[in-house]
Amino acid sequence: MTQENGCETLSEERRKELFLALVDAQDHEISVAQSRMLMAERFGISESQVRLIEREGVELQWPPLA
């Protein structure tokens, strides 16, 4: 993820960790909006950055999607 996306502070490994936690939260019946808010708080980034990471994870089929 490039600097223009605003997630330059998170390594790919950390973004994958966030994505896995986000999917897991949604699998446990937490709403999409609430799960994004929780991940933003947990990882110290904005919800828009969470959305970018979410999109990246879906596009690249990161676990648990793979």
PDB file of N, CA and C in Angstrom:
ATOM      1  N   MET A   1       0.856  -1.165   0.000  1.00  0.00           N
ATOM      2  CA  MET A   1       0.000   0.000   0.000  1.00  0.00           C
ATOM      3  C   MET A   1       0.900   1.226   0.000  1.00  0.00           C
ATOM      4  N   THR A   2       0.593   2.161  -0.820  1.00  0.00           N
ATOM      5  CA  THR A   2       1.463   3.310  -0.989  1.00  0.00           C
ATOM      6  C   THR A   2       1.165   4.401   0.022  1.00  0.00           C
ATOM      7  N   GLN A   3       2.081   5.344   0.075  1.00  0.00           N
ATOM      8  CA  GLN A   3       1.946   6.453   1.012  1.00  0.00           C
ATOM      9  C   GLN A   3       0.679   7.265   0.751  1.00  0.00           C
ATOM     10  N   GLU A   4       0.286   7.390  -0.516  1.00  0.00           N
ATOM     11  CA  GLU A   4      -0.902   8.176  -0.841  1.00  0.00           C
ATOM     12  C   GLU A   4      -2.170   7.585  -0.241  1.00  0.00           C
ATOM     13  N   ASN A   5      -2.163   6.303   0.083  1.00  0.00           N
ATOM     14  CA  ASN A   5      -3.331   5.663   0.685  1.00  0.00           C
ATOM     15  C   ASN A   5      -3.428   5.926   2.188  1.00  0.00           C
ATOM     16  N   GLY A   6      -2.396   6.518   2.761  1.00  0.00           N
ATOM     17  CA  GLY A   6      -2.455   6.889   4.166  1.00  0.00           C
ATOM     18  C   GLY A   6      -2.147   5.776   5.139  1.00  0.00           C
ATOM     19  N   CYS A   7      -1.708   4.623   4.655  1.00  0.00           N
ATOM     20  CA  CYS A   7      -1.435   3.499   5.542  1.00  0.00           C
ATOM     21  C   CYS A   7       0.050   3.159   5.566  1.00  0.00           C
ATOM     22  N   GLU A   8       0.888   4.143   5.226  1.00  0.00           N
ATOM     23  CA  GLU A   8       2.315   3.896   5.149  1.00  0.00           C
ATOM     24  C   GLU A   8       2.896   3.466   6.485  1.00  0.00           C
ATOM     25  N   THR A   9       2.205   3.743   7.569  1.00  0.00           N
ATOM     26  CA  THR A   9       2.721   3.392   8.884  1.00  0.00           C
ATOM     27  C   THR A   9       2.494   1.925   9.227  1.00  0.00           C
ATOM     28  N   LEU A  10       1.667   1.240   8.454  1.00  0.00           N
ATOM     29  CA  LEU A  10       1.395  -0.162   8.723  1.00  0.00           C
ATOM     30  C   LEU A  10       2.074  -1.043   7.675  1.00  0.00           C
ATOM     31  N   SER A  11       2.865  -1.988   8.147  1.00  0.00           N
ATOM     32  CA  SER A  11       3.510  -2.930   7.238  1.00  0.00           C
ATOM     33  C   SER A  11       2.450  -3.844   6.622  1.00  0.00           C
ATOM     34  N   GLU A  12       2.823  -4.544   5.562  1.00  0.00           N
ATOM     35  CA  GLU A  12       1.883  -5.482   4.953  1.00  0.00           C
ATOM     36  C   GLU A  12       1.445  -6.537   5.970  1.00  0.00           C
ATOM     37  N   GLU A  13       2.375  -6.997   6.783  1.00  0.00           N
ATOM     38  CA  GLU A  13       2.041  -7.987   7.814  1.00  0.00           C
ATOM     39  C   GLU A  13       0.983  -7.447   8.773  1.00  0.00           C
ATOM     40  N   ARG A  14       1.144  -6.196   9.168  1.00  0.00           N
ATOM     41  CA  ARG A  14       0.188  -5.567  10.103  1.00  0.00           C
ATOM     42  C   ARG A  14      -1.168  -5.350   9.424  1.00  0.00           C
ATOM     43  N   ARG A  15      -1.151  -4.973   8.135  1.00  0.00           N
ATOM     44  CA  ARG A  15      -2.404  -4.799   7.390  1.00  0.00           C
ATOM     45  C   ARG A  15      -3.127  -6.134   7.259  1.00  0.00           C
ATOM     46  N   LYS A  16      -2.381  -7.194   7.037  1.00  0.00           N
ATOM     47  CA  LYS A  16      -2.996  -8.530   6.953  1.00  0.00           C
ATOM     48  C   LYS A  16      -3.590  -8.925   8.299  1.00  0.00           C
ATOM     49  N   GLU A  17      -2.912  -8.581   9.381  1.00  0.00           N
ATOM     50  CA  GLU A  17      -3.418  -8.845  10.733  1.00  0.00           C
ATOM     51  C   GLU A  17      -4.736  -8.109  10.953  1.00  0.00           C
ATOM     52  N   LEU A  18      -4.778  -6.846  10.529  1.00  0.00           N
ATOM     53  CA  LEU A  18      -6.001  -6.050  10.661  1.00  0.00           C
ATOM     54  C   LEU A  18      -7.119  -6.675   9.837  1.00  0.00           C
ATOM     55  N   PHE A  19      -6.822  -7.057   8.614  1.00  0.00           N
ATOM     56  CA  PHE A  19      -7.835  -7.641   7.737  1.00  0.00           C
ATOM     57  C   PHE A  19      -8.411  -8.922   8.345  1.00  0.00           C
ATOM     58  N   LEU A  20      -7.555  -9.780   8.851  1.00  0.00           N
ATOM     59  CA  LEU A  20      -8.012 -11.013   9.478  1.00  0.00           C
ATOM     60  C   LEU A  20      -8.900 -10.721  10.679  1.00  0.00           C
ATOM     61  N   ALA A  21      -8.494  -9.766  11.505  1.00  0.00           N
ATOM     62  CA  ALA A  21      -9.298  -9.390  12.675  1.00  0.00           C
ATOM     63  C   ALA A  21     -10.637  -8.794  12.255  1.00  0.00           C
ATOM     64  N   LEU A  22     -10.631  -8.014  11.183  1.00  0.00           N
ATOM     65  CA  LEU A  22     -11.861  -7.402  10.676  1.00  0.00           C
ATOM     66  C   LEU A  22     -12.839  -8.470  10.197  1.00  0.00           C
ATOM     67  N   VAL A  23     -12.355  -9.405   9.413  1.00  0.00           N
ATOM     68  CA  VAL A  23     -13.212 -10.489   8.908  1.00  0.00           C
ATOM     69  C   VAL A  23     -13.729 -11.339  10.068  1.00  0.00           C
ATOM     70  N   ASP A  24     -12.844 -11.626  11.011  1.00  0.00           N
ATOM     71  CA  ASP A  24     -13.245 -12.427  12.170  1.00  0.00           C
ATOM     72  C   ASP A  24     -14.341 -11.726  12.963  1.00  0.00           C
ATOM     73  N   ALA A  25     -14.200 -10.423  13.162  1.00  0.00           N
ATOM     74  CA  ALA A  25     -15.227  -9.660  13.895  1.00  0.00           C
ATOM     75  C   ALA A  25     -16.562  -9.731  13.158  1.00  0.00           C
ATOM     76  N   GLN A  26     -16.529  -9.568  11.847  1.00  0.00           N
ATOM     77  CA  GLN A  26     -17.763  -9.607  11.064  1.00  0.00           C
ATOM     78  C   GLN A  26     -18.378 -11.010  11.065  1.00  0.00           C
ATOM     79  N   ASP A  27     -17.539 -12.038  11.124  1.00  0.00           N
ATOM     80  CA  ASP A  27     -18.036 -13.412  11.211  1.00  0.00           C
ATOM     81  C   ASP A  27     -18.711 -13.696  12.541  1.00  0.00           C
ATOM     82  N   HIS A  28     -18.390 -12.889  13.550  1.00  0.00           N
ATOM     83  CA  HIS A  28     -18.985 -13.067  14.872  1.00  0.00           C
ATOM     84  C   HIS A  28     -20.102 -12.056  15.116  1.00  0.00           C
ATOM     85  N   GLU A  29     -20.776 -11.710  14.037  1.00  0.00           N
ATOM     86  CA  GLU A  29     -22.003 -10.917  14.061  1.00  0.00           C
ATOM     87  C   GLU A  29     -21.831  -9.485  14.566  1.00  0.00           C
ATOM     88  N   ILE A  30     -20.640  -8.936  14.374  1.00  0.00           N
ATOM     89  CA  ILE A  30     -20.442  -7.514  14.604  1.00  0.00           C
ATOM     90  C   ILE A  30     -20.697  -6.846  13.261  1.00  0.00           C
ATOM     91  N   SER A  31     -21.430  -5.769  13.246  1.00  0.00           N
ATOM     92  CA  SER A  31     -21.754  -5.108  11.981  1.00  0.00           C
ATOM     93  C   SER A  31     -20.491  -4.616  11.281  1.00  0.00           C
ATOM     94  N   VAL A  32     -20.595  -4.449   9.973  1.00  0.00           N
ATOM     95  CA  VAL A  32     -19.468  -3.963   9.184  1.00  0.00           C
ATOM     96  C   VAL A  32     -19.008  -2.612   9.720  1.00  0.00           C
ATOM     97  N   ALA A  33     -19.933  -1.695   9.938  1.00  0.00           N
ATOM     98  CA  ALA A  33     -19.584  -0.359  10.432  1.00  0.00           C
ATOM     99  C   ALA A  33     -18.901  -0.434  11.798  1.00  0.00           C
ATOM    100  N   GLN A  34     -19.449  -1.240  12.681  1.00  0.00           N
ATOM    101  CA  GLN A  34     -18.876  -1.341  14.024  1.00  0.00           C
ATOM    102  C   GLN A  34     -17.501  -2.021  13.972  1.00  0.00           C
ATOM    103  N   SER A  35     -17.360  -3.037  13.127  1.00  0.00           N
ATOM    104  CA  SER A  35     -16.068  -3.718  13.043  1.00  0.00           C
ATOM    105  C   SER A  35     -14.992  -2.782  12.506  1.00  0.00           C
ATOM    106  N   ARG A  36     -15.347  -1.937  11.549  1.00  0.00           N
ATOM    107  CA  ARG A  36     -14.385  -0.961  11.028  1.00  0.00           C
ATOM    108  C   ARG A  36     -13.980   0.024  12.118  1.00  0.00           C
ATOM    109  N   MET A  37     -14.943   0.471  12.899  1.00  0.00           N
ATOM    110  CA  MET A  37     -14.671   1.402  13.986  1.00  0.00           C
ATOM    111  C   MET A  37     -13.745   0.748  15.030  1.00  0.00           C
ATOM    112  N   LEU A  38     -14.029  -0.490  15.360  1.00  0.00           N
ATOM    113  CA  LEU A  38     -13.207  -1.204  16.339  1.00  0.00           C
ATOM    114  C   LEU A  38     -11.780  -1.390  15.851  1.00  0.00           C
ATOM    115  N   MET A  39     -11.615  -1.746  14.576  1.00  0.00           N
ATOM    116  CA  MET A  39     -10.274  -1.950  14.022  1.00  0.00           C
ATOM    117  C   MET A  39      -9.510  -0.634  13.938  1.00  0.00           C
ATOM    118  N   ALA A  40     -10.196   0.442  13.603  1.00  0.00           N
ATOM    119  CA  ALA A  40      -9.550   1.750  13.558  1.00  0.00           C
ATOM    120  C   ALA A  40      -8.996   2.106  14.931  1.00  0.00           C
ATOM    121  N   GLU A  41      -9.807   1.886  15.947  1.00  0.00           N
ATOM    122  CA  GLU A  41      -9.385   2.171  17.315  1.00  0.00           C
ATOM    123  C   GLU A  41      -8.245   1.247  17.739  1.00  0.00           C
ATOM    124  N   ARG A  42      -8.391  -0.033  17.459  1.00  0.00           N
ATOM    125  CA  ARG A  42      -7.401  -1.034  17.874  1.00  0.00           C
ATOM    126  C   ARG A  42      -6.043  -0.804  17.216  1.00  0.00           C
ATOM    127  N   PHE A  43      -6.049  -0.429  15.931  1.00  0.00           N
ATOM    128  CA  PHE A  43      -4.803  -0.276  15.185  1.00  0.00           C
ATOM    129  C   PHE A  43      -4.336   1.176  15.090  1.00  0.00           C
ATOM    130  N   GLY A  44      -5.091   2.099  15.659  1.00  0.00           N
ATOM    131  CA  GLY A  44      -4.676   3.498  15.704  1.00  0.00           C
ATOM    132  C   GLY A  44      -4.668   4.198  14.358  1.00  0.00           C
ATOM    133  N   ILE A  45      -5.654   3.855  13.507  1.00  0.00           N
ATOM    134  CA  ILE A  45      -5.769   4.489  12.197  1.00  0.00           C
ATOM    135  C   ILE A  45      -7.213   4.940  11.990  1.00  0.00           C
ATOM    136  N   SER A  46      -7.466   5.639  10.897  1.00  0.00           N
ATOM    137  CA  SER A  46      -8.823   6.118  10.624  1.00  0.00           C
ATOM    138  C   SER A  46      -9.680   5.006  10.006  1.00  0.00           C
ATOM    139  N   GLU A  47     -10.984   5.208  10.067  1.00  0.00           N
ATOM    140  CA  GLU A  47     -11.892   4.245   9.441  1.00  0.00           C
ATOM    141  C   GLU A  47     -11.705   4.212   7.929  1.00  0.00           C
ATOM    142  N   SER A  48     -11.358   5.337   7.335  1.00  0.00           N
ATOM    143  CA  SER A  48     -11.123   5.332   5.882  1.00  0.00           C
ATOM    144  C   SER A  48      -9.893   4.493   5.543  1.00  0.00           C
ATOM    145  N   GLN A  49      -8.897   4.509   6.404  1.00  0.00           N
ATOM    146  CA  GLN A  49      -7.728   3.656   6.200  1.00  0.00           C
ATOM    147  C   GLN A  49      -8.100   2.186   6.358  1.00  0.00           C
ATOM    148  N   VAL A  50      -8.974   1.885   7.304  1.00  0.00           N
ATOM    149  CA  VAL A  50      -9.459   0.510   7.474  1.00  0.00           C
ATOM    150  C   VAL A  50     -10.154   0.048   6.186  1.00  0.00           C
ATOM    151  N   ARG A  51     -10.964   0.925   5.603  1.00  0.00           N
ATOM    152  CA  ARG A  51     -11.656   0.573   4.355  1.00  0.00           C
ATOM    153  C   ARG A  51     -10.667   0.276   3.225  1.00  0.00           C
ATOM    154  N   LEU A  52      -9.599   1.072   3.157  1.00  0.00           N
ATOM    155  CA  LEU A  52      -8.579   0.828   2.137  1.00  0.00           C
ATOM    156  C   LEU A  52      -7.905  -0.527   2.331  1.00  0.00           C
ATOM    157  N   ILE A  53      -7.602  -0.850   3.571  1.00  0.00           N
ATOM    158  CA  ILE A  53      -6.984  -2.141   3.876  1.00  0.00           C
ATOM    159  C   ILE A  53      -7.963  -3.270   3.596  1.00  0.00           C
ATOM    160  N   GLU A  54      -9.218  -3.052   3.926  1.00  0.00           N
ATOM    161  CA  GLU A  54     -10.256  -4.043   3.651  1.00  0.00           C
ATOM    162  C   GLU A  54     -10.330  -4.321   2.139  1.00  0.00           C
ATOM    163  N   ARG A  55     -10.321  -3.260   1.350  1.00  0.00           N
ATOM    164  CA  ARG A  55     -10.370  -3.409  -0.110  1.00  0.00           C
ATOM    165  C   ARG A  55      -9.126  -4.150  -0.616  1.00  0.00           C
ATOM    166  N   GLU A  56      -7.963  -3.787  -0.066  1.00  0.00           N
ATOM    167  CA  GLU A  56      -6.717  -4.437  -0.462  1.00  0.00           C
ATOM    168  C   GLU A  56      -6.778  -5.938  -0.149  1.00  0.00           C
ATOM    169  N   GLY A  57      -7.257  -6.278   1.032  1.00  0.00           N
ATOM    170  CA  GLY A  57      -7.350  -7.681   1.432  1.00  0.00           C
ATOM    171  C   GLY A  57      -8.279  -8.491   0.552  1.00  0.00           C
ATOM    172  N   VAL A  58      -9.395  -7.897   0.167  1.00  0.00           N
ATOM    173  CA  VAL A  58     -10.344  -8.584  -0.712  1.00  0.00           C
ATOM    174  C   VAL A  58      -9.728  -8.771  -2.100  1.00  0.00           C
ATOM    175  N   GLU A  59      -9.136  -7.702  -2.629  1.00  0.00           N
ATOM    176  CA  GLU A  59      -8.550  -7.764  -3.967  1.00  0.00           C
ATOM    177  C   GLU A  59      -7.423  -8.780  -4.056  1.00  0.00           C
ATOM    178  N   LEU A  60      -6.613  -8.860  -3.001  1.00  0.00           N
ATOM    179  CA  LEU A  60      -5.463  -9.763  -3.006  1.00  0.00           C
ATOM    180  C   LEU A  60      -5.764 -11.123  -2.373  1.00  0.00           C
ATOM    181  N   GLN A  61      -7.023 -11.312  -1.961  1.00  0.00           N
ATOM    182  CA  GLN A  61      -7.465 -12.589  -1.374  1.00  0.00           C
ATOM    183  C   GLN A  61      -6.598 -13.019  -0.189  1.00  0.00           C
ATOM    184  N   TRP A  62      -6.388 -12.075   0.735  1.00  0.00           N
ATOM    185  CA  TRP A  62      -5.635 -12.386   1.937  1.00  0.00           C
ATOM    186  C   TRP A  62      -6.422 -13.364   2.796  1.00  0.00           C
ATOM    187  N   PRO A  63      -5.711 -14.163   3.609  1.00  0.00           N
ATOM    188  CA  PRO A  63      -6.413 -15.029   4.563  1.00  0.00           C
ATOM    189  C   PRO A  63      -7.318 -14.173   5.458  1.00  0.00           C
ATOM    190  N   PRO A  64      -8.455 -14.655   5.753  1.00  0.00           N
ATOM    191  CA  PRO A  64      -8.951 -16.022   5.593  1.00  0.00           C
ATOM    192  C   PRO A  64      -9.640 -16.291   4.255  1.00  0.00           C
ATOM    193  N   LEU A  65      -9.581 -15.362   3.316  1.00  0.00           N
ATOM    194  CA  LEU A  65     -10.273 -15.568   2.043  1.00  0.00           C
ATOM    195  C   LEU A  65      -9.558 -16.567   1.154  1.00  0.00           C
ATOM    196  N   ALA A  66      -8.247 -16.672   1.286  1.00  0.00           N
ATOM    197  CA  ALA A  66      -7.454 -17.547   0.408  1.00  0.00           C
ATOM    198  C   ALA A  66      -7.712 -19.010   0.692  1.00  0.00           C
TER     199      ALA A  66
END
